[in-house]
Amino acid sequence: MNFFYILYSKALNRYYIGHTSETLDERLRKHLSKHSGFTAKTKDWLIVYFEEFETKSLAYKRELEVKKWKSSIRIEKLINSVK
């Protein structure tokens, strides 16, 4: 299975949007590990939203769609739509 996901950091008050073909737990573990990149800035990332897709290309397409929004308000509406 492939996933589109959104992470949230309370310390940064920021969202991170991505996609993966790994399990969500494994992908989060890598975000929280010692590495360089945007998510290396803090270690409090949580998965706050995800969608499953049959192919990696569909998950990536969804990632790009949401990134184009450039709106935390729209992202929060998406996250809250499943609660």
C-alpha atoms as a PDB file:
ATOM      1  CA  MET A   1       0.000   0.000   0.000  1.00  0.00           C
ATOM      2  CA  ASN A   2       1.081   3.579  -0.640  1.00  0.00           C
ATOM      3  CA  PHE A   3       0.272   6.574   1.498  1.00  0.00           C
ATOM      4  CA  PHE A   4      -0.140  10.329   1.305  1.00  0.00           C
ATOM      5  CA  TYR A   5       0.379  11.747   4.789  1.00  0.00           C
ATOM      6  CA  ILE A   6       0.504  14.940   6.801  1.00  0.00           C
ATOM      7  CA  LEU A   7       2.725  15.395   9.845  1.00  0.00           C
ATOM      8  CA  TYR A   8       2.388  18.156  12.424  1.00  0.00           C
ATOM      9  CA  SER A   9       4.971  19.631  14.781  1.00  0.00           C
ATOM     10  CA  LYS A  10       3.629  21.553  17.760  1.00  0.00           C
ATOM     11  CA  ALA A  11       7.087  23.046  18.438  1.00  0.00           C
ATOM     12  CA  LEU A  12       7.240  24.546  14.939  1.00  0.00           C
ATOM     13  CA  ASN A  13       3.472  24.901  14.473  1.00  0.00           C
ATOM     14  CA  ARG A  14       4.057  23.587  10.955  1.00  0.00           C
ATOM     15  CA  TYR A  15       2.794  20.800   8.723  1.00  0.00           C
ATOM     16  CA  TYR A  16       4.875  18.468   6.591  1.00  0.00           C
ATOM     17  CA  ILE A  17       3.237  16.824   3.586  1.00  0.00           C
ATOM     18  CA  GLY A  18       4.627  13.683   1.996  1.00  0.00           C
ATOM     19  CA  HIS A  19       4.018  10.295   0.419  1.00  0.00           C
ATOM     20  CA  THR A  20       5.564   6.868   0.924  1.00  0.00           C
ATOM     21  CA  SER A  21       5.378   3.221  -0.033  1.00  0.00           C
ATOM     22  CA  GLU A  22       6.684   2.239   3.418  1.00  0.00           C
ATOM     23  CA  THR A  23       4.452   1.705   6.425  1.00  0.00           C
ATOM     24  CA  LEU A  24       3.482   4.950   8.118  1.00  0.00           C
ATOM     25  CA  ASP A  25       5.213   3.851  11.328  1.00  0.00           C
ATOM     26  CA  GLU A  26       8.475   3.234   9.460  1.00  0.00           C
ATOM     27  CA  ARG A  27       8.267   6.537   7.604  1.00  0.00           C
ATOM     28  CA  LEU A  28       7.603   8.443  10.831  1.00  0.00           C
ATOM     29  CA  ARG A  29      10.545   6.658  12.483  1.00  0.00           C
ATOM     30  CA  LYS A  30      12.788   7.937   9.675  1.00  0.00           C
ATOM     31  CA  HIS A  31      11.469  11.484  10.067  1.00  0.00           C
ATOM     32  CA  LEU A  32      12.251  11.321  13.781  1.00  0.00           C
ATOM     33  CA  SER A  33      15.714   9.803  13.296  1.00  0.00           C
ATOM     34  CA  LYS A  34      18.940  11.747  12.976  1.00  0.00           C
ATOM     35  CA  HIS A  35      18.998  13.106   9.428  1.00  0.00           C
ATOM     36  CA  SER A  36      19.171  16.347   7.500  1.00  0.00           C
ATOM     37  CA  GLY A  37      16.139  18.011   6.012  1.00  0.00           C
ATOM     38  CA  PHE A  38      13.063  19.941   7.095  1.00  0.00           C
ATOM     39  CA  THR A  39      11.782  17.381   9.608  1.00  0.00           C
ATOM     40  CA  ALA A  40      15.186  17.220  11.335  1.00  0.00           C
ATOM     41  CA  LYS A  41      14.458  20.601  12.976  1.00  0.00           C
ATOM     42  CA  THR A  42      12.421  18.969  15.762  1.00  0.00           C
ATOM     43  CA  LYS A  43      11.496  15.522  17.021  1.00  0.00           C
ATOM     44  CA  ASP A  44       7.829  16.008  17.904  1.00  0.00           C
ATOM     45  CA  TRP A  45       6.270  15.146  14.521  1.00  0.00           C
ATOM     46  CA  LEU A  46       2.943  13.308  14.642  1.00  0.00           C
ATOM     47  CA  ILE A  47       0.936  11.776  11.816  1.00  0.00           C
ATOM     48  CA  VAL A  48      -2.285  13.786  11.832  1.00  0.00           C
ATOM     49  CA  TYR A  49      -3.762  12.615   8.518  1.00  0.00           C
ATOM     50  CA  PHE A  50      -3.237   9.992   5.835  1.00  0.00           C
ATOM     51  CA  GLU A  51      -4.877   8.478   2.768  1.00  0.00           C
ATOM     52  CA  GLU A  52      -4.151   5.097   1.174  1.00  0.00           C
ATOM     53  CA  PHE A  53      -3.539   4.642  -2.569  1.00  0.00           C
ATOM     54  CA  GLU A  54      -3.041   1.664  -4.852  1.00  0.00           C
ATOM     55  CA  THR A  55       0.044   3.147  -6.526  1.00  0.00           C
ATOM     56  CA  LYS A  56       2.905   5.372  -5.451  1.00  0.00           C
ATOM     57  CA  SER A  57       2.205   7.728  -8.359  1.00  0.00           C
ATOM     58  CA  LEU A  58      -1.359   8.355  -7.107  1.00  0.00           C
ATOM     59  CA  ALA A  59      -0.069   9.085  -3.598  1.00  0.00           C
ATOM     60  CA  TYR A  60       2.501  11.484  -5.057  1.00  0.00           C
ATOM     61  CA  LYS A  61      -0.174  13.172  -7.169  1.00  0.00           C
ATOM     62  CA  ARG A  62      -2.253  13.761  -4.022  1.00  0.00           C
ATOM     63  CA  GLU A  63       0.811  15.150  -2.218  1.00  0.00           C
ATOM     64  CA  LEU A  64       1.390  17.679  -4.999  1.00  0.00           C
ATOM     65  CA  GLU A  65      -2.299  18.607  -5.046  1.00  0.00           C
ATOM     66  CA  VAL A  66      -2.349  19.448  -1.332  1.00  0.00           C
ATOM     67  CA  LYS A  67       1.024  21.235  -1.451  1.00  0.00           C
ATOM     68  CA  LYS A  68      -0.367  23.544  -4.147  1.00  0.00           C
ATOM     69  CA  TRP A  69      -3.000  24.744  -1.675  1.00  0.00           C
ATOM     70  CA  LYS A  70      -0.309  26.626   0.301  1.00  0.00           C
ATOM     71  CA  SER A  71      -2.929  27.110   2.994  1.00  0.00           C
ATOM     72  CA  SER A  72      -2.747  25.783   6.536  1.00  0.00           C
ATOM     73  CA  ILE A  73      -6.456  26.576   6.901  1.00  0.00           C
ATOM     74  CA  ARG A  74      -7.358  24.226   4.031  1.00  0.00           C
ATOM     75  CA  ILE A  75      -5.002  21.573   5.395  1.00  0.00           C
ATOM     76  CA  GLU A  76      -6.633  21.843   8.828  1.00  0.00           C
ATOM     77  CA  LYS A  77     -10.094  21.505   7.261  1.00  0.00           C
ATOM     78  CA  LEU A  78      -8.904  18.317   5.536  1.00  0.00           C
ATOM     79  CA  ILE A  79      -7.485  16.937   8.796  1.00  0.00           C
ATOM     80  CA  ASN A  80     -10.637  17.824  10.735  1.00  0.00           C
ATOM     81  CA  SER A  81     -12.915  16.281   8.087  1.00  0.00           C
ATOM     82  CA  VAL A  82     -12.121  12.796   9.432  1.00  0.00           C
ATOM     83  CA  LYS A  83     -12.573  13.565  13.118  1.00  0.00           C
END
